[in-house]
């Protein structure tokens, strides 16, 4: 009952600051998200949110661990970082460039470079493990080890970082482990090996995971016909948000819409049946062995 009662006890915290900020609660970890287009109002909102949070904790006889409290500011390449120093209870919050949130390393520019760097040694260890057991195991067992030791790490959070140009480093490691499993040299092409082993490439897994996310949370993705009443051939496409920011274009919402709209006509109508949709899409991705999103767009434009 302890954890449950704690969650009930702290559940009112978001209501305290919902006028100035959004909050994300996970067990005893709390995150506050503040947005504002004006630097001065941004600073003022931070001060208000911190003060409101402190007051709520004091009233409810709880203590904030300020030694573990950090401040991470998100900004685009063309924006300047706003100099802010947050001081509360005679302590200064650490102003950081990246942090780990739910197993993902998030940086201030959402480049996912540090997350991919952190993944690299874990996946290299999986390559070493596969190489060590290869002489003694069948292909079926090697695939089981691959999915439990490599795929589980590679696919975690892939809908967020899979479109980053740094993800090419993970694809190279995946190609290496595929060659090890198929007993091929480092100069051999992997496209046919992926098909033989029935394993998706990293871009293929990104597309599959992202589109399964889209159809799971379909209510957050309106159709063009929901936005306007003009009868066009694109009425059944998802409606993309209007933005020129590249960070948004690479994000889950925009990328999910763009990739879904380019699906072949034999797959798109199946989105209401998750299992059928998943099987059809996976077979399509296995057949084409995609190494990039550009290849996906080229294949689906034929």
Foldseek 3Di string as FASTA:
>chain_A
DVQVVVCVLCVCLQVQLVVAWGWDDDRPDIDTGGDDPDLVVSQVSVVVSVVSNVVVCVVSVHDDPQVPAADEAADAPPDDDRDDWDADPNDTHHYDQWDADPNQIAGRHLLSLVRVVVLVVQLVVLLVVLLVCLVPDDLVVSVVSCCVRPVVSLLVVCLRNVQRPNCLSVLLSVQSSLCSSVVHDPPDDCLVSCLVSLHFGSNLSNLLVLLLVCLVPVVVFDFCCVVDVDDDPRRRQTDADDDDDVSVCSHSRNVNRVLLSLDAPVQNVCSVPSVVNSVVSSVVRSVQRDPHVVSVNVVSVD
